[in-house]
Amino acid sequence: SASILYIEDDRDIGGWVSDFLKEKGYGVKWLQSGEKA
């Protein structure tokens, strides 16, 4: 599966979006800041 870099600092939004994308079959790397993007 394709790997997605997801950058979102809001924990609630980040959590459900990350979980949704994983359910769609994507690999997800979630960062809460852009420092190591």
All heavy atoms as atom14 arrays in JSON, in Angstrom:
{
  "sequence": "SASILYIEDDRDIGGWVSDFLKEKGYGVKWLQSGEKA",
  "atom14_mask": [
    [1, 1, 1, 1, 1, 1, 0, 0, 0, 0, 0, 0, 0, 0],
    [1, 1, 1, 1, 1, 0, 0, 0, 0, 0, 0, 0, 0, 0],
    [1, 1, 1, 1, 1, 1, 0, 0, 0, 0, 0, 0, 0, 0],
    [1, 1, 1, 1, 1, 1, 1, 1, 0, 0, 0, 0, 0, 0],
    [1, 1, 1, 1, 1, 1, 1, 1, 0, 0, 0, 0, 0, 0],
    [1, 1, 1, 1, 1, 1, 1, 1, 1, 1, 1, 1, 0, 0],
    [1, 1, 1, 1, 1, 1, 1, 1, 0, 0, 0, 0, 0, 0],
    [1, 1, 1, 1, 1, 1, 1, 1, 1, 0, 0, 0, 0, 0],
    [1, 1, 1, 1, 1, 1, 1, 1, 0, 0, 0, 0, 0, 0],
    [1, 1, 1, 1, 1, 1, 1, 1, 0, 0, 0, 0, 0, 0],
    [1, 1, 1, 1, 1, 1, 1, 1, 1, 1, 1, 0, 0, 0],
    [1, 1, 1, 1, 1, 1, 1, 1, 0, 0, 0, 0, 0, 0],
    [1, 1, 1, 1, 1, 1, 1, 1, 0, 0, 0, 0, 0, 0],
    [1, 1, 1, 1, 0, 0, 0, 0, 0, 0, 0, 0, 0, 0],
    [1, 1, 1, 1, 0, 0, 0, 0, 0, 0, 0, 0, 0, 0],
    [1, 1, 1, 1, 1, 1, 1, 1, 1, 1, 1, 1, 1, 1],
    [1, 1, 1, 1, 1, 1, 1, 0, 0, 0, 0, 0, 0, 0],
    [1, 1, 1, 1, 1, 1, 0, 0, 0, 0, 0, 0, 0, 0],
    [1, 1, 1, 1, 1, 1, 1, 1, 0, 0, 0, 0, 0, 0],
    [1, 1, 1, 1, 1, 1, 1, 1, 1, 1, 1, 0, 0, 0],
    [1, 1, 1, 1, 1, 1, 1, 1, 0, 0, 0, 0, 0, 0],
    [1, 1, 1, 1, 1, 1, 1, 1, 1, 0, 0, 0, 0, 0],
    [1, 1, 1, 1, 1, 1, 1, 1, 1, 0, 0, 0, 0, 0],
    [1, 1, 1, 1, 1, 1, 1, 1, 1, 0, 0, 0, 0, 0],
    [1, 1, 1, 1, 0, 0, 0, 0, 0, 0, 0, 0, 0, 0],
    [1, 1, 1, 1, 1, 1, 1, 1, 1, 1, 1, 1, 0, 0],
    [1, 1, 1, 1, 0, 0, 0, 0, 0, 0, 0, 0, 0, 0],
    [1, 1, 1, 1, 1, 1, 1, 0, 0, 0, 0, 0, 0, 0],
    [1, 1, 1, 1, 1, 1, 1, 1, 1, 0, 0, 0, 0, 0],
    [1, 1, 1, 1, 1, 1, 1, 1, 1, 1, 1, 1, 1, 1],
    [1, 1, 1, 1, 1, 1, 1, 1, 0, 0, 0, 0, 0, 0],
    [1, 1, 1, 1, 1, 1, 1, 1, 1, 0, 0, 0, 0, 0],
    [1, 1, 1, 1, 1, 1, 0, 0, 0, 0, 0, 0, 0, 0],
    [1, 1, 1, 1, 0, 0, 0, 0, 0, 0, 0, 0, 0, 0],
    [1, 1, 1, 1, 1, 1, 1, 1, 1, 0, 0, 0, 0, 0],
    [1, 1, 1, 1, 1, 1, 1, 1, 1, 0, 0, 0, 0, 0],
    [1, 1, 1, 1, 1, 0, 0, 0, 0, 0, 0, 0, 0, 0]
  ],
  "atom14_positions": [
    [[0.83, -1.2, 0.0], [0.0, 0.0, 0.0], [0.87, 1.25, 0.0], [2.0, 1.24, 0.49], [-0.91, 0.01, 1.24], [-0.14, 0.03, 2.42], [0.0, 0.0, 0.0], [0.0, 0.0, 0.0], [0.0, 0.0, 0.0], [0.0, 0.0, 0.0], [0.0, 0.0, 0.0], [0.0, 0.0, 0.0], [0.0, 0.0, 0.0], [0.0, 0.0, 0.0]],
    [[0.31, 2.32, -0.56], [1.03, 3.59, -0.59], [1.17, 4.13, 0.82], [0.3, 3.95, 1.67], [0.29, 4.57, -1.48], [0.0, 0.0, 0.0], [0.0, 0.0, 0.0], [0.0, 0.0, 0.0], [0.0, 0.0, 0.0], [0.0, 0.0, 0.0], [0.0, 0.0, 0.0], [0.0, 0.0, 0.0], [0.0, 0.0, 0.0], [0.0, 0.0, 0.0]],
    [[2.26, 4.83, 1.05], [2.51, 5.42, 2.36], [2.22, 6.91, 2.32], [2.67, 7.62, 1.43], [3.96, 5.17, 2.77], [4.23, 5.74, 4.04], [0.0, 0.0, 0.0], [0.0, 0.0, 0.0], [0.0, 0.0, 0.0], [0.0, 0.0, 0.0], [0.0, 0.0, 0.0], [0.0, 0.0, 0.0], [0.0, 0.0, 0.0], [0.0, 0.0, 0.0]],
    [[1.45, 7.38, 3.3], [1.05, 8.79, 3.38], [1.75, 9.44, 4.57], [1.74, 8.9, 5.68], [-0.47, 8.93, 3.55], [-1.2, 8.36, 2.33], [-0.86, 10.38, 3.78], [-2.71, 8.31, 2.49], [0.0, 0.0, 0.0], [0.0, 0.0, 0.0], [0.0, 0.0, 0.0], [0.0, 0.0, 0.0], [0.0, 0.0, 0.0], [0.0, 0.0, 0.0]],
    [[2.36, 10.59, 4.33], [2.84, 11.42, 5.44], [1.74, 12.42, 5.76], [1.37, 13.24, 4.92], [4.12, 12.16, 5.05], [4.68, 13.12, 6.12], [5.02, 12.37, 7.4], [5.89, 13.88, 5.6], [0.0, 0.0, 0.0], [0.0, 0.0, 0.0], [0.0, 0.0, 0.0], [0.0, 0.0, 0.0], [0.0, 0.0, 0.0], [0.0, 0.0, 0.0]],
    [[1.19, 12.33, 6.96], [0.07, 13.17, 7.38], [0.55, 14.09, 8.5], [1.04, 13.63, 9.54], [-1.08, 12.28, 7.86], [-2.27, 13.02, 8.42], [-2.77, 14.17, 7.82], [-2.91, 12.56, 9.57], [-3.87, 14.84, 8.33], [-4.01, 13.21, 10.09], [-4.48, 14.35, 9.48], [-5.57, 15.01, 9.99], [0.0, 0.0, 0.0], [0.0, 0.0, 0.0]],
    [[0.44, 15.41, 8.29], [0.94, 16.39, 9.25], [-0.23, 17.22, 9.76], [-0.8, 18.03, 9.03], [2.02, 17.28, 8.63], [3.11, 16.42, 7.96], [2.64, 18.19, 9.69], [4.14, 17.21, 7.18], [0.0, 0.0, 0.0], [0.0, 0.0, 0.0], [0.0, 0.0, 0.0], [0.0, 0.0, 0.0], [0.0, 0.0, 0.0], [0.0, 0.0, 0.0]],
    [[-0.59, 17.02, 11.02], [-1.75, 17.67, 11.64], [-1.51, 17.72, 13.14], [-1.23, 16.7, 13.76], [-3.02, 16.88, 11.32], [-4.24, 17.21, 12.15], [-4.76, 18.63, 11.91], [-5.28, 18.86, 10.81], [-4.63, 19.46, 12.83], [0.0, 0.0, 0.0], [0.0, 0.0, 0.0], [0.0, 0.0, 0.0], [0.0, 0.0, 0.0], [0.0, 0.0, 0.0]],
    [[-1.59, 18.92, 13.74], [-1.3, 19.04, 15.17], [-2.51, 18.78, 16.06], [-2.36, 18.49, 17.24], [-0.72, 20.42, 15.48], [-1.74, 21.54, 15.28], [-2.41, 21.54, 14.22], [-1.88, 22.39, 16.17], [0.0, 0.0, 0.0], [0.0, 0.0, 0.0], [0.0, 0.0, 0.0], [0.0, 0.0, 0.0], [0.0, 0.0, 0.0], [0.0, 0.0, 0.0]],
    [[-3.74, 18.87, 15.51], [-4.93, 18.62, 16.3], [-5.08, 17.11, 16.55], [-5.24, 16.33, 15.61], [-6.17, 19.16, 15.57], [-7.43, 19.07, 16.42], [-7.86, 17.94, 16.74], [-7.99, 20.13, 16.76], [0.0, 0.0, 0.0], [0.0, 0.0, 0.0], [0.0, 0.0, 0.0], [0.0, 0.0, 0.0], [0.0, 0.0, 0.0], [0.0, 0.0, 0.0]],
    [[-5.02, 16.7, 17.81], [-5.03, 15.27, 18.13], [-6.32, 14.58, 17.72], [-6.31, 13.44, 17.24], [-4.77, 15.06, 19.63], [-3.35, 15.39, 20.06], [-3.16, 15.16, 21.55], [-1.8, 15.43, 21.96], [-0.82, 14.54, 21.94], [-1.07, 13.31, 21.52], [0.39, 14.86, 22.35], [0.0, 0.0, 0.0], [0.0, 0.0, 0.0], [0.0, 0.0, 0.0]],
    [[-7.45, 15.26, 17.94], [-8.74, 14.64, 17.6], [-8.88, 14.45, 16.09], [-9.2, 13.36, 15.61], [-9.9, 15.5, 18.13], [-9.97, 15.5, 19.66], [-9.51, 14.5, 20.25], [-10.46, 16.48, 20.23], [0.0, 0.0, 0.0], [0.0, 0.0, 0.0], [0.0, 0.0, 0.0], [0.0, 0.0, 0.0], [0.0, 0.0, 0.0], [0.0, 0.0, 0.0]],
    [[-8.63, 15.53, 15.33], [-8.73, 15.43, 13.87], [-7.69, 14.45, 13.34], [-7.99, 13.58, 12.51], [-8.54, 16.81, 13.22], [-9.67, 17.76, 13.63], [-8.47, 16.68, 11.7], [-9.49, 19.18, 13.14], [0.0, 0.0, 0.0], [0.0, 0.0, 0.0], [0.0, 0.0, 0.0], [0.0, 0.0, 0.0], [0.0, 0.0, 0.0], [0.0, 0.0, 0.0]],
    [[-6.46, 14.58, 13.84], [-5.39, 13.71, 13.37], [-5.68, 12.25, 13.63], [-5.41, 11.39, 12.79], [0.0, 0.0, 0.0], [0.0, 0.0, 0.0], [0.0, 0.0, 0.0], [0.0, 0.0, 0.0], [0.0, 0.0, 0.0], [0.0, 0.0, 0.0], [0.0, 0.0, 0.0], [0.0, 0.0, 0.0], [0.0, 0.0, 0.0], [0.0, 0.0, 0.0]],
    [[-6.27, 11.96, 14.79], [-6.58, 10.58, 15.13], [-7.58, 9.94, 14.2], [-7.36, 8.84, 13.67], [0.0, 0.0, 0.0], [0.0, 0.0, 0.0], [0.0, 0.0, 0.0], [0.0, 0.0, 0.0], [0.0, 0.0, 0.0], [0.0, 0.0, 0.0], [0.0, 0.0, 0.0], [0.0, 0.0, 0.0], [0.0, 0.0, 0.0], [0.0, 0.0, 0.0]],
    [[-8.7, 10.65, 13.96], [-9.73, 10.01, 13.13], [-9.35, 9.98, 11.65], [-9.68, 9.02, 10.95], [-11.11, 10.62, 13.36], [-11.41, 11.99, 12.86], [-11.45, 13.12, 13.59], [-11.77, 12.38, 11.53], [-11.78, 14.2, 12.82], [-11.99, 13.78, 11.54], [-11.92, 11.7, 10.33], [-12.35, 14.49, 10.4], [-12.28, 12.41, 9.18], [-12.48, 13.78, 9.23]],
    [[-8.64, 11.01, 11.18], [-8.2, 10.98, 9.78], [-7.16, 9.88, 9.57], [-7.23, 9.12, 8.59], [-7.61, 12.35, 9.36], [-6.92, 12.24, 8.0], [-8.71, 13.4, 9.3], [0.0, 0.0, 0.0], [0.0, 0.0, 0.0], [0.0, 0.0, 0.0], [0.0, 0.0, 0.0], [0.0, 0.0, 0.0], [0.0, 0.0, 0.0], [0.0, 0.0, 0.0]],
    [[-6.22, 9.76, 10.5], [-5.2, 8.72, 10.4], [-5.84, 7.33, 10.41], [-5.5, 6.47, 9.59], [-4.21, 8.85, 11.56], [-3.21, 7.86, 11.5], [0.0, 0.0, 0.0], [0.0, 0.0, 0.0], [0.0, 0.0, 0.0], [0.0, 0.0, 0.0], [0.0, 0.0, 0.0], [0.0, 0.0, 0.0], [0.0, 0.0, 0.0], [0.0, 0.0, 0.0]],
    [[-6.78, 7.1, 11.34], [-7.46, 5.81, 11.41], [-8.25, 5.53, 10.14], [-8.27, 4.4, 9.64], [-8.4, 5.77, 12.62], [-7.64, 5.71, 13.94], [-6.44, 5.39, 13.92], [-8.25, 6.0, 14.99], [0.0, 0.0, 0.0], [0.0, 0.0, 0.0], [0.0, 0.0, 0.0], [0.0, 0.0, 0.0], [0.0, 0.0, 0.0], [0.0, 0.0, 0.0]],
    [[-8.91, 6.56, 9.61], [-9.72, 6.37, 8.39], [-8.84, 5.97, 7.22], [-9.18, 5.05, 6.46], [-10.49, 7.66, 8.07], [-11.31, 7.57, 6.81], [-12.55, 6.98, 6.81], [-10.81, 8.07, 5.62], [-13.31, 6.88, 5.65], [-11.55, 7.98, 4.44], [-12.8, 7.38, 4.46], [0.0, 0.0, 0.0], [0.0, 0.0, 0.0], [0.0, 0.0, 0.0]],
    [[-7.71, 6.66, 7.05], [-6.82, 6.36, 5.94], [-6.23, 4.96, 6.07], [-6.05, 4.25, 5.08], [-5.71, 7.41, 5.85], [-6.15, 8.81, 5.43], [-4.99, 9.81, 5.55], [-6.7, 8.82, 4.0], [0.0, 0.0, 0.0], [0.0, 0.0, 0.0], [0.0, 0.0, 0.0], [0.0, 0.0, 0.0], [0.0, 0.0, 0.0], [0.0, 0.0, 0.0]],
    [[-5.94, 4.56, 7.3], [-5.42, 3.2, 7.52], [-6.48, 2.17, 7.16], [-6.17, 1.11, 6.58], [-5.0, 3.03, 8.98], [-3.72, 3.77, 9.33], [-3.38, 3.63, 10.81], [-2.13, 4.43, 11.17], [-1.83, 4.35, 12.62], [0.0, 0.0, 0.0], [0.0, 0.0, 0.0], [0.0, 0.0, 0.0], [0.0, 0.0, 0.0], [0.0, 0.0, 0.0]],
    [[-7.75, 2.46, 7.49], [-8.84, 1.55, 7.14], [-8.98, 1.42, 5.62], [-9.43, 0.39, 5.11], [-10.15, 2.04, 7.74], [-10.23, 1.89, 9.26], [-11.47, 2.53, 9.84], [-12.31, 3.03, 9.05], [-11.62, 2.54, 11.08], [0.0, 0.0, 0.0], [0.0, 0.0, 0.0], [0.0, 0.0, 0.0], [0.0, 0.0, 0.0], [0.0, 0.0, 0.0]],
    [[-8.59, 2.47, 4.9], [-8.64, 2.45, 3.43], [-7.46, 1.68, 2.83], [-7.37, 1.53, 1.62], [-8.64, 3.89, 2.89], [-9.95, 4.64, 3.1], [-11.04, 4.09, 2.2], [-12.31, 4.89, 2.29], [-13.37, 4.36, 1.39], [0.0, 0.0, 0.0], [0.0, 0.0, 0.0], [0.0, 0.0, 0.0], [0.0, 0.0, 0.0], [0.0, 0.0, 0.0]],
    [[-6.56, 1.24, 3.7], [-5.45, 0.42, 3.22], [-4.13, 1.15, 3.06], [-3.15, 0.56, 2.6], [0.0, 0.0, 0.0], [0.0, 0.0, 0.0], [0.0, 0.0, 0.0], [0.0, 0.0, 0.0], [0.0, 0.0, 0.0], [0.0, 0.0, 0.0], [0.0, 0.0, 0.0], [0.0, 0.0, 0.0], [0.0, 0.0, 0.0], [0.0, 0.0, 0.0]],
    [[-4.07, 2.42, 3.44], [-2.83, 3.17, 3.31], [-1.95, 2.98, 4.54], [-2.44, 2.79, 5.65], [-3.12, 4.67, 3.15], [-3.9, 5.03, 1.91], [-5.21, 5.46, 1.99], [-3.31, 4.95, 0.65], [-5.93, 5.81, 0.84], [-4.01, 5.28, -0.49], [-5.32, 5.7, -0.39], [-6.02, 6.04, -1.52], [0.0, 0.0, 0.0], [0.0, 0.0, 0.0]],
    [[-0.65, 3.09, 4.32], [0.25, 3.22, 5.44], [0.31, 4.7, 5.81], [0.39, 5.54, 4.92], [0.0, 0.0, 0.0], [0.0, 0.0, 0.0], [0.0, 0.0, 0.0], [0.0, 0.0, 0.0], [0.0, 0.0, 0.0], [0.0, 0.0, 0.0], [0.0, 0.0, 0.0], [0.0, 0.0, 0.0], [0.0, 0.0, 0.0], [0.0, 0.0, 0.0]],
    [[0.25, 5.03, 7.09], [0.18, 6.43, 7.5], [1.26, 6.74, 8.53], [1.38, 6.06, 9.55], [-1.2, 6.78, 8.11], [-1.24, 8.25, 8.53], [-2.31, 6.5, 7.1], [0.0, 0.0, 0.0], [0.0, 0.0, 0.0], [0.0, 0.0, 0.0], [0.0, 0.0, 0.0], [0.0, 0.0, 0.0], [0.0, 0.0, 0.0], [0.0, 0.0, 0.0]],
    [[2.06, 7.77, 8.25], [2.99, 8.32, 9.22], [2.45, 9.67, 9.65], [2.37, 10.61, 8.84], [4.38, 8.48, 8.59], [5.4, 9.19, 9.49], [5.74, 8.35, 10.7], [6.8, 9.03, 11.56], [7.15, 8.24, 12.76], [0.0, 0.0, 0.0], [0.0, 0.0, 0.0], [0.0, 0.0, 0.0], [0.0, 0.0, 0.0], [0.0, 0.0, 0.0]],
    [[2.0, 9.78, 10.91], [1.36, 11.0, 11.39], [2.34, 11.81, 12.24], [2.86, 11.32, 13.24], [0.11, 10.63, 12.2], [-0.58, 11.79, 12.87], [-0.55, 13.09, 12.51], [-1.41, 11.71, 14.04], [-1.3, 13.86, 13.38], [-1.84, 13.04, 14.32], [-1.83, 10.66, 14.86], [-2.68, 13.33, 15.4], [-2.66, 10.96, 15.94], [-3.08, 12.28, 16.2]],
    [[2.6, 13.05, 11.81], [3.41, 13.99, 12.57], [2.53, 15.12, 13.08], [1.59, 15.53, 12.4], [4.51, 14.59, 11.69], [5.53, 13.64, 11.05], [6.53, 14.44, 10.22], [6.24, 12.81, 12.11], [0.0, 0.0, 0.0], [0.0, 0.0, 0.0], [0.0, 0.0, 0.0], [0.0, 0.0, 0.0], [0.0, 0.0, 0.0], [0.0, 0.0, 0.0]],
    [[2.84, 15.64, 14.26], [2.07, 16.74, 14.82], [2.75, 18.09, 14.67], [2.27, 19.11, 15.14], [1.75, 16.45, 16.29], [0.84, 15.23, 16.45], [0.48, 14.94, 17.87], [0.3, 15.85, 18.68], [0.4, 13.66, 18.21], [0.0, 0.0, 0.0], [0.0, 0.0, 0.0], [0.0, 0.0, 0.0], [0.0, 0.0, 0.0], [0.0, 0.0, 0.0]],
    [[3.88, 18.1, 13.97], [4.55, 19.35, 13.58], [5.33, 19.06, 12.31], [5.51, 17.9, 11.92], [5.49, 19.85, 14.69], [6.68, 19.09, 14.71], [0.0, 0.0, 0.0], [0.0, 0.0, 0.0], [0.0, 0.0, 0.0], [0.0, 0.0, 0.0], [0.0, 0.0, 0.0], [0.0, 0.0, 0.0], [0.0, 0.0, 0.0], [0.0, 0.0, 0.0]],
    [[5.81, 20.13, 11.68], [6.53, 19.94, 10.43], [8.03, 19.89, 10.55], [8.74, 19.89, 9.54], [0.0, 0.0, 0.0], [0.0, 0.0, 0.0], [0.0, 0.0, 0.0], [0.0, 0.0, 0.0], [0.0, 0.0, 0.0], [0.0, 0.0, 0.0], [0.0, 0.0, 0.0], [0.0, 0.0, 0.0], [0.0, 0.0, 0.0], [0.0, 0.0, 0.0]],
    [[8.54, 19.82, 11.78], [9.99, 19.91, 11.98], [10.77, 18.81, 11.26], [11.84, 19.05, 10.72], [10.31, 19.87, 13.48], [9.64, 20.97, 14.31], [10.07, 22.37, 13.9], [11.2, 22.52, 13.42], [9.27, 23.3, 14.06], [0.0, 0.0, 0.0], [0.0, 0.0, 0.0], [0.0, 0.0, 0.0], [0.0, 0.0, 0.0], [0.0, 0.0, 0.0]],
    [[10.24, 17.61, 11.24], [10.95, 16.48, 10.62], [10.28, 16.03, 9.32], [10.52, 14.91, 8.86], [11.02, 15.31, 11.61], [11.84, 15.6, 12.86], [11.95, 14.37, 13.74], [12.81, 14.65, 14.98], [12.91, 13.45, 15.85], [0.0, 0.0, 0.0], [0.0, 0.0, 0.0], [0.0, 0.0, 0.0], [0.0, 0.0, 0.0], [0.0, 0.0, 0.0]],
    [[9.47, 16.9, 8.74], [8.69, 16.51, 7.57], [9.56, 16.11, 6.39], [9.29, 15.1, 5.72], [7.75, 17.65, 7.17], [0.0, 0.0, 0.0], [0.0, 0.0, 0.0], [0.0, 0.0, 0.0], [0.0, 0.0, 0.0], [0.0, 0.0, 0.0], [0.0, 0.0, 0.0], [0.0, 0.0, 0.0], [0.0, 0.0, 0.0], [0.0, 0.0, 0.0]]
  ]
}
